[in-house]
C-alpha atoms as a PDB file:
ATOM      1  CA  MET A   1     -44.651 -61.909 -54.492  1.00  0.00           C
ATOM      2  CA  ARG A   2     -41.046 -61.043 -53.631  1.00  0.00           C
ATOM      3  CA  GLU A   3     -41.295 -63.045 -50.387  1.00  0.00           C
ATOM      4  CA  ARG A   4     -42.554 -66.101 -52.277  1.00  0.00           C
ATOM      5  CA  VAL A   5     -39.620 -65.919 -54.687  1.00  0.00           C
ATOM      6  CA  VAL A   6     -37.173 -65.640 -51.769  1.00  0.00           C
ATOM      7  CA  ASN A   7     -38.805 -68.660 -50.097  1.00  0.00           C
ATOM      8  CA  LEU A   8     -38.553 -70.584 -53.359  1.00  0.00           C
ATOM      9  CA  PHE A   9     -34.806 -69.941 -53.607  1.00  0.00           C
ATOM     10  CA  LYS A  10     -34.339 -70.958 -49.980  1.00  0.00           C
ATOM     11  CA  ALA A  11     -36.187 -74.210 -50.619  1.00  0.00           C
ATOM     12  CA  VAL A  12     -34.051 -74.907 -53.680  1.00  0.00           C
ATOM     13  CA  ALA A  13     -30.842 -74.134 -51.772  1.00  0.00           C
ATOM     14  CA  ARG A  14     -31.678 -76.851 -49.234  1.00  0.00           C
ATOM     15  CA  HIS A  15     -31.625 -79.477 -51.990  1.00  0.00           C
ATOM     16  CA  ARG A  16     -28.480 -78.654 -53.964  1.00  0.00           C
ATOM     17  CA  GLY A  17     -27.518 -82.319 -54.396  1.00  0.00           C
ATOM     18  CA  GLU A  18     -30.726 -83.192 -56.227  1.00  0.00           C
ATOM     19  CA  SER A  19     -31.165 -83.381 -60.001  1.00  0.00           C
ATOM     20  CA  ILE A  20     -32.479 -80.462 -62.039  1.00  0.00           C
ATOM     21  CA  SER A  21     -35.715 -82.333 -62.713  1.00  0.00           C
ATOM     22  CA  ASP A  22     -36.258 -82.945 -58.984  1.00  0.00           C
ATOM     23  CA  LEU A  23     -35.588 -79.286 -58.212  1.00  0.00           C
ATOM     24  CA  ALA A  24     -37.936 -78.185 -60.991  1.00  0.00           C
ATOM     25  CA  ALA A  25     -40.685 -80.468 -59.655  1.00  0.00           C
ATOM     26  CA  GLU A  26     -40.208 -79.060 -56.168  1.00  0.00           C
ATOM     27  CA  ALA A  27     -40.325 -75.503 -57.491  1.00  0.00           C
ATOM     28  CA  LEU A  28     -43.571 -76.255 -59.330  1.00  0.00           C
ATOM     29  CA  ASN A  29     -45.098 -77.847 -56.227  1.00  0.00           C
ATOM     30  CA  PHE A  30     -44.100 -74.825 -54.158  1.00  0.00           C
ATOM     31  CA  ALA A  31     -45.605 -72.430 -56.711  1.00  0.00           C
ATOM     32  CA  ARG A  32     -48.796 -74.482 -56.911  1.00  0.00           C
ATOM     33  CA  ASP A  33     -49.165 -74.601 -53.111  1.00  0.00           C
ATOM     34  CA  SER A  34     -48.535 -70.850 -52.877  1.00  0.00           C
ATOM     35  CA  VAL A  35     -51.277 -70.093 -55.384  1.00  0.00           C
ATOM     36  CA  ARG A  36     -53.721 -72.455 -53.684  1.00  0.00           C
ATOM     37  CA  THR A  37     -52.914 -71.052 -50.248  1.00  0.00           C
ATOM     38  CA  ALA A  38     -53.515 -67.482 -51.454  1.00  0.00           C
ATOM     39  CA  TYR A  39     -56.834 -68.588 -52.959  1.00  0.00           C
ATOM     40  CA  TRP A  40     -58.127 -70.541 -49.961  1.00  0.00           C
ATOM     41  CA  LEU A  41     -57.133 -67.846 -47.445  1.00  0.00           C
ATOM     42  CA  ARG A  42     -58.155 -64.861 -49.542  1.00  0.00           C
ATOM     43  CA  ALA A  43     -60.928 -63.900 -47.090  1.00  0.00           C
ATOM     44  CA  CYS A  44     -58.486 -63.552 -44.164  1.00  0.00           C
ATOM     45  CA  ASP A  45     -57.409 -60.083 -43.063  1.00  0.00           C
ATOM     46  CA  GLU A  46     -53.746 -60.966 -42.553  1.00  0.00           C
ATOM     47  CA  VAL A  47     -51.734 -63.988 -43.666  1.00  0.00           C
ATOM     48  CA  GLY A  48     -48.073 -64.249 -42.673  1.00  0.00           C
ATOM     49  CA  THR A  49     -45.264 -65.424 -44.904  1.00  0.00           C
ATOM     50  CA  GLY A  50     -44.638 -69.121 -45.351  1.00  0.00           C
ATOM     51  CA  VAL A  51     -48.233 -70.196 -44.624  1.00  0.00           C
ATOM     52  CA  ARG A  52     -49.091 -73.435 -46.423  1.00  0.00           C
ATOM     53  CA  CYS A  53     -52.409 -75.130 -47.182  1.00  0.00           C
ATOM     54  CA  GLU A  54     -52.265 -78.786 -48.155  1.00  0.00           C
ATOM     55  CA  GLY A  55     -55.887 -79.128 -49.162  1.00  0.00           C
ATOM     56  CA  PRO A  56     -58.959 -76.899 -48.931  1.00  0.00           C
ATOM     57  CA  VAL A  57     -59.570 -74.462 -46.080  1.00  0.00           C
ATOM     58  CA  ILE A  58     -63.068 -72.984 -45.852  1.00  0.00           C
ATOM     59  CA  VAL A  59     -62.942 -69.425 -44.515  1.00  0.00           C
ATOM     60  CA  LYS A  60     -66.082 -67.582 -43.384  1.00  0.00           C
ATOM     61  CA  ASN A  61     -65.066 -64.131 -42.276  1.00  0.00           C
ATOM     62  CA  GLN A  62     -67.417 -61.408 -41.106  1.00  0.00           C
ATOM     63  CA  GLY A  63     -65.006 -60.143 -38.470  1.00  0.00           C
ATOM     64  CA  ARG A  64     -61.214 -60.375 -38.422  1.00  0.00           C
ATOM     65  CA  ILE A  65     -59.004 -63.413 -39.093  1.00  0.00           C
ATOM     66  CA  VAL A  66     -55.234 -63.199 -38.664  1.00  0.00           C
ATOM     67  CA  ILE A  67     -52.916 -66.086 -39.617  1.00  0.00           C
ATOM     68  CA  GLY A  68     -49.310 -65.925 -38.380  1.00  0.00           C
ATOM     69  CA  ARG A  69     -46.125 -66.898 -40.197  1.00  0.00           C
ATOM     70  CA  LYS A  70     -45.483 -70.503 -41.233  1.00  0.00           C
ATOM     71  CA  VAL A  71     -48.868 -71.838 -40.163  1.00  0.00           C
ATOM     72  CA  ARG A  72     -49.618 -75.166 -41.829  1.00  0.00           C
ATOM     73  CA  PHE A  73     -53.105 -76.402 -42.706  1.00  0.00           C
ATOM     74  CA  LYS A  74     -53.125 -80.104 -43.648  1.00  0.00           C
ATOM     75  CA  SER A  75     -56.591 -80.807 -44.991  1.00  0.00           C
ATOM     76  CA  VAL A  76     -55.919 -83.504 -47.558  1.00  0.00           C
ATOM     77  CA  TRP A  77     -58.703 -85.811 -46.272  1.00  0.00           C
ATOM     78  CA  ASN A  78     -61.372 -83.371 -45.063  1.00  0.00           C
ATOM     79  CA  PRO A  79     -61.491 -79.579 -45.316  1.00  0.00           C
ATOM     80  CA  ILE A  80     -60.640 -77.340 -42.397  1.00  0.00           C
ATOM     81  CA  GLU A  81     -63.201 -74.645 -41.561  1.00  0.00           C
ATOM     82  CA  ILE A  82     -62.367 -71.373 -39.792  1.00  0.00           C
ATOM     83  CA  SER A  83     -64.889 -68.623 -39.166  1.00  0.00           C
ATOM     84  CA  ALA A  84     -65.273 -65.264 -37.455  1.00  0.00           C
ATOM     85  CA  GLY A  85     -68.695 -63.684 -36.920  1.00  0.00           C
ATOM     86  CA  HIS A  86     -69.580 -59.994 -36.923  1.00  0.00           C
ATOM     87  CA  GLY A  87     -67.068 -58.111 -34.756  1.00  0.00           C
ATOM     88  CA  ALA A  88     -65.272 -61.338 -33.790  1.00  0.00           C
ATOM     89  CA  GLU A  89     -61.540 -62.019 -33.999  1.00  0.00           C
ATOM     90  CA  LEU A  90     -59.759 -65.287 -34.731  1.00  0.00           C
ATOM     91  CA  THR A  91     -55.971 -65.293 -34.380  1.00  0.00           C
ATOM     92  CA  ILE A  92     -53.722 -68.260 -35.201  1.00  0.00           C
ATOM     93  CA  GLY A  93     -50.126 -67.812 -34.043  1.00  0.00           C
ATOM     94  CA  GLU A  94     -47.056 -68.517 -36.121  1.00  0.00           C
ATOM     95  CA  GLU A  95     -45.890 -72.071 -36.761  1.00  0.00           C
ATOM     96  CA  ALA A  96     -49.190 -73.584 -35.653  1.00  0.00           C
ATOM     97  CA  PHE A  97     -50.250 -76.862 -37.292  1.00  0.00           C
ATOM     98  CA  ILE A  98     -53.917 -77.620 -37.989  1.00  0.00           C
ATOM     99  CA  ASN A  99     -54.931 -81.052 -39.218  1.00  0.00           C
ATOM    100  CA  TYR A 100     -57.851 -82.104 -41.409  1.00  0.00           C
ATOM    101  CA  GLY A 101     -61.503 -81.823 -40.402  1.00  0.00           C
ATOM    102  CA  VAL A 102     -60.876 -79.148 -37.755  1.00  0.00           C
ATOM    103  CA  LEU A 103     -63.570 -76.541 -37.051  1.00  0.00           C
ATOM    104  CA  ILE A 104     -62.600 -73.247 -35.395  1.00  0.00           C
ATOM    105  CA  SER A 105     -65.480 -70.826 -34.813  1.00  0.00           C
ATOM    106  CA  ALA A 106     -65.221 -67.360 -33.234  1.00  0.00           C
ATOM    107  CA  ARG A 107     -68.293 -65.287 -32.424  1.00  0.00           C
ATOM    108  CA  SER A 108     -66.264 -63.142 -30.007  1.00  0.00           C
ATOM    109  CA  ARG A 109     -62.586 -64.127 -29.798  1.00  0.00           C
ATOM    110  CA  VAL A 110     -60.522 -67.265 -30.293  1.00  0.00           C
ATOM    111  CA  THR A 111     -56.764 -66.930 -29.810  1.00  0.00           C
ATOM    112  CA  ILE A 112     -54.440 -69.793 -30.762  1.00  0.00           C
ATOM    113  CA  GLY A 113     -50.809 -69.329 -29.761  1.00  0.00           C
ATOM    114  CA  ARG A 114     -47.503 -69.968 -31.441  1.00  0.00           C
ATOM    115  CA  GLY A 115     -46.611 -73.552 -32.298  1.00  0.00           C
ATOM    116  CA  VAL A 116     -49.968 -74.997 -31.245  1.00  0.00           C
ATOM    117  CA  LEU A 117     -50.728 -78.435 -32.730  1.00  0.00           C
ATOM    118  CA  ILE A 118     -54.375 -79.264 -33.419  1.00  0.00           C
ATOM    119  CA  GLY A 119     -55.334 -82.854 -34.269  1.00  0.00           C
ATOM    120  CA  ASN A 120     -57.885 -83.914 -36.843  1.00  0.00           C
ATOM    121  CA  HIS A 121     -61.615 -83.418 -36.281  1.00  0.00           C
ATOM    122  CA  THR A 122     -61.060 -81.135 -33.286  1.00  0.00           C
ATOM    123  CA  VAL A 123     -63.729 -78.494 -32.590  1.00  0.00           C
ATOM    124  CA  ILE A 124     -62.861 -75.132 -31.015  1.00  0.00           C
ATOM    125  CA  ALA A 125     -65.811 -72.770 -30.623  1.00  0.00           C
ATOM    126  CA  ASP A 126     -66.622 -69.870 -28.324  1.00  0.00           C
ATOM    127  CA  THR A 127     -70.332 -70.697 -28.523  1.00  0.00           C
ATOM    128  CA  GLU A 128     -71.855 -74.089 -27.821  1.00  0.00           C
ATOM    129  CA  HIS A 129     -73.666 -74.158 -31.154  1.00  0.00           C
ATOM    130  CA  PRO A 130     -71.234 -73.069 -33.876  1.00  0.00           C
ATOM    131  CA  GLY A 131     -72.954 -72.688 -37.184  1.00  0.00           C
ATOM    132  CA  PRO A 132     -74.042 -70.167 -39.823  1.00  0.00           C
ATOM    133  CA  LEU A 133     -72.852 -66.630 -39.148  1.00  0.00           C
ATOM    134  CA  ASP A 134     -76.288 -65.123 -39.723  1.00  0.00           C
ATOM    135  CA  GLY A 135     -76.538 -63.264 -36.415  1.00  0.00           C
ATOM    136  CA  SER A 136     -79.609 -65.260 -35.367  1.00  0.00           C
ATOM    137  CA  SER A 137     -78.003 -66.863 -32.308  1.00  0.00           C
ATOM    138  CA  VAL A 138     -78.837 -65.307 -28.943  1.00  0.00           C
ATOM    139  CA  GLU A 139     -76.153 -67.314 -27.166  1.00  0.00           C
ATOM    140  CA  GLN A 140     -73.474 -65.226 -25.481  1.00  0.00           C
ATOM    141  CA  PRO A 141     -69.988 -66.199 -26.728  1.00  0.00           C
ATOM    142  CA  ARG A 142     -67.106 -66.671 -24.281  1.00  0.00           C
ATOM    143  CA  PRO A 143     -63.536 -66.174 -25.548  1.00  0.00           C
ATOM    144  CA  ILE A 144     -61.096 -69.076 -25.867  1.00  0.00           C
ATOM    145  CA  VAL A 145     -57.310 -68.891 -25.447  1.00  0.00           C
ATOM    146  CA  ILE A 146     -54.944 -71.729 -26.354  1.00  0.00           C
ATOM    147  CA  GLU A 147     -51.446 -70.750 -25.285  1.00  0.00           C
ATOM    148  CA  ASP A 148     -48.135 -71.322 -27.064  1.00  0.00           C
ATOM    149  CA  GLY A 149     -46.990 -74.886 -27.674  1.00  0.00           C
ATOM    150  CA  ALA A 150     -50.199 -76.628 -26.598  1.00  0.00           C
ATOM    151  CA  TRP A 151     -51.082 -79.886 -28.344  1.00  0.00           C
ATOM    152  CA  LEU A 152     -54.682 -80.983 -28.881  1.00  0.00           C
ATOM    153  CA  ALA A 153     -54.902 -84.595 -30.057  1.00  0.00           C
ATOM    154  CA  VAL A 154     -57.582 -86.166 -32.264  1.00  0.00           C
ATOM    155  CA  ARG A 155     -61.277 -85.265 -31.798  1.00  0.00           C
ATOM    156  CA  VAL A 156     -60.822 -82.853 -28.905  1.00  0.00           C
ATOM    157  CA  VAL A 157     -63.696 -80.456 -28.176  1.00  0.00           C
ATOM    158  CA  VAL A 158     -62.842 -77.086 -26.627  1.00  0.00           C
ATOM    159  CA  LEU A 159     -65.946 -75.463 -25.146  1.00  0.00           C
ATOM    160  CA  PRO A 160     -66.596 -71.713 -24.739  1.00  0.00           C
ATOM    161  CA  GLY A 161     -64.609 -69.771 -22.150  1.00  0.00           C
ATOM    162  CA  CYS A 162     -61.666 -72.191 -21.921  1.00  0.00           C
ATOM    163  CA  ARG A 163     -57.999 -71.358 -21.499  1.00  0.00           C
ATOM    164  CA  ILE A 164     -55.437 -74.087 -22.216  1.00  0.00           C
ATOM    165  CA  GLY A 165     -52.009 -73.357 -20.780  1.00  0.00           C
ATOM    166  CA  ALA A 166     -48.714 -73.301 -22.646  1.00  0.00           C
ATOM    167  CA  ASN A 167     -47.240 -76.690 -23.649  1.00  0.00           C
ATOM    168  CA  THR A 168     -50.233 -78.573 -22.284  1.00  0.00           C
ATOM    169  CA  VAL A 169     -51.236 -81.815 -24.025  1.00  0.00           C
ATOM    170  CA  VAL A 170     -54.932 -82.723 -24.299  1.00  0.00           C
ATOM    171  CA  ARG A 171     -55.519 -86.413 -25.002  1.00  0.00           C
ATOM    172  CA  ALA A 172     -57.664 -87.745 -27.847  1.00  0.00           C
ATOM    173  CA  GLY A 173     -61.436 -87.575 -27.459  1.00  0.00           C
ATOM    174  CA  SER A 174     -61.331 -85.170 -24.520  1.00  0.00           C
ATOM    175  CA  VAL A 175     -63.799 -82.355 -23.860  1.00  0.00           C
ATOM    176  CA  VAL A 176     -62.241 -79.224 -22.349  1.00  0.00           C
ATOM    177  CA  SER A 177     -64.856 -77.369 -20.318  1.00  0.00           C
ATOM    178  CA  GLY A 178     -62.689 -75.190 -18.072  1.00  0.00           C
ATOM    179  CA  ASP A 179     -59.173 -73.867 -17.704  1.00  0.00           C
ATOM    180  CA  LEU A 180     -56.158 -76.168 -17.888  1.00  0.00           C
ATOM    181  CA  PRO A 181     -52.795 -75.025 -16.472  1.00  0.00           C
ATOM    182  CA  ALA A 182     -49.534 -74.959 -18.400  1.00  0.00           C
ATOM    183  CA  ASN A 183     -47.246 -77.977 -18.729  1.00  0.00           C
ATOM    184  CA  VAL A 184     -49.703 -80.763 -17.964  1.00  0.00           C
ATOM    185  CA  ILE A 185     -51.247 -83.758 -19.700  1.00  0.00           C
ATOM    186  CA  ALA A 186     -55.030 -83.680 -19.457  1.00  0.00           C
ATOM    187  CA  GLY A 187     -57.781 -85.975 -20.665  1.00  0.00           C
ATOM    188  CA  GLY A 188     -61.310 -87.167 -20.152  1.00  0.00           C
ATOM    189  CA  VAL A 189     -64.859 -85.842 -20.341  1.00  0.00           C
ATOM    190  CA  PRO A 190     -64.548 -83.276 -18.921  1.00  0.00           C
ATOM    191  CA  ALA A 191     -60.763 -83.024 -19.266  1.00  0.00           C
ATOM    192  CA  GLN A 192     -58.863 -83.291 -15.974  1.00  0.00           C
ATOM    193  CA  VAL A 193     -55.164 -82.917 -15.228  1.00  0.00           C
ATOM    194  CA  LEU A 194     -53.561 -86.375 -15.334  1.00  0.00           C
ATOM    195  CA  ARG A 195     -49.963 -85.427 -14.652  1.00  0.00           C
ATOM    196  CA  THR A 196     -47.470 -82.615 -15.037  1.00  0.00           C
ATOM    197  CA  ILE A 197     -44.747 -82.484 -17.643  1.00  0.00           C
ATOM    198  CA  ALA A 198     -41.392 -80.731 -17.560  1.00  0.00           C
ATOM    199  CA  ALA A 199     -41.510 -77.117 -18.682  1.00  0.00           C
ATOM    200  CA  ALA A 200     -39.600 -76.361 -21.874  1.00  0.00           C
ATOM    201  CA  ALA A 201     -36.142 -74.941 -21.254  1.00  0.00           C
ATOM    202  CA  GLY A 202     -35.508 -71.285 -22.053  1.00  0.00           C
END
């Protein structure tokens, strides 16, 4: 609770030139979003400070789900669904952005790095048939890793066993079925490297 109050004062301090009514409205919106975020993510094992849900997030957790600091879920049009099966682990790194209609399913392990951007209606699953976590599937899951700063555009499908390198951009509608190196633009079905991009400085 103390962290939420501190964040509220920081938000207010950024808008000192605004009217009292505007500041009050912003404070109420912040409080409302904080309550909704706590409710929607209540089944997660760890949720970092500054996480924000703009719309419903469906959480199905029978394993371990960890959400890093300042992650943003924007599900105003369609809910986002995240799930971890028995003994599985789903980790979303700090400052990641997840858009509406995204499905992330871990039956073993899905690791999403810091600052990863995930476009709407993207599917990330470590089994080829994500679904109810009832333990009935005999399919062997294969872990997925999406490294820091990667950007998955609209309607990308990430298949089991993939690793997407840091800062790599995957174009809309692509299907990732193998590893992609860092600092490239990839696209297609299956996704192939189209060109390299400059590595981020520092």
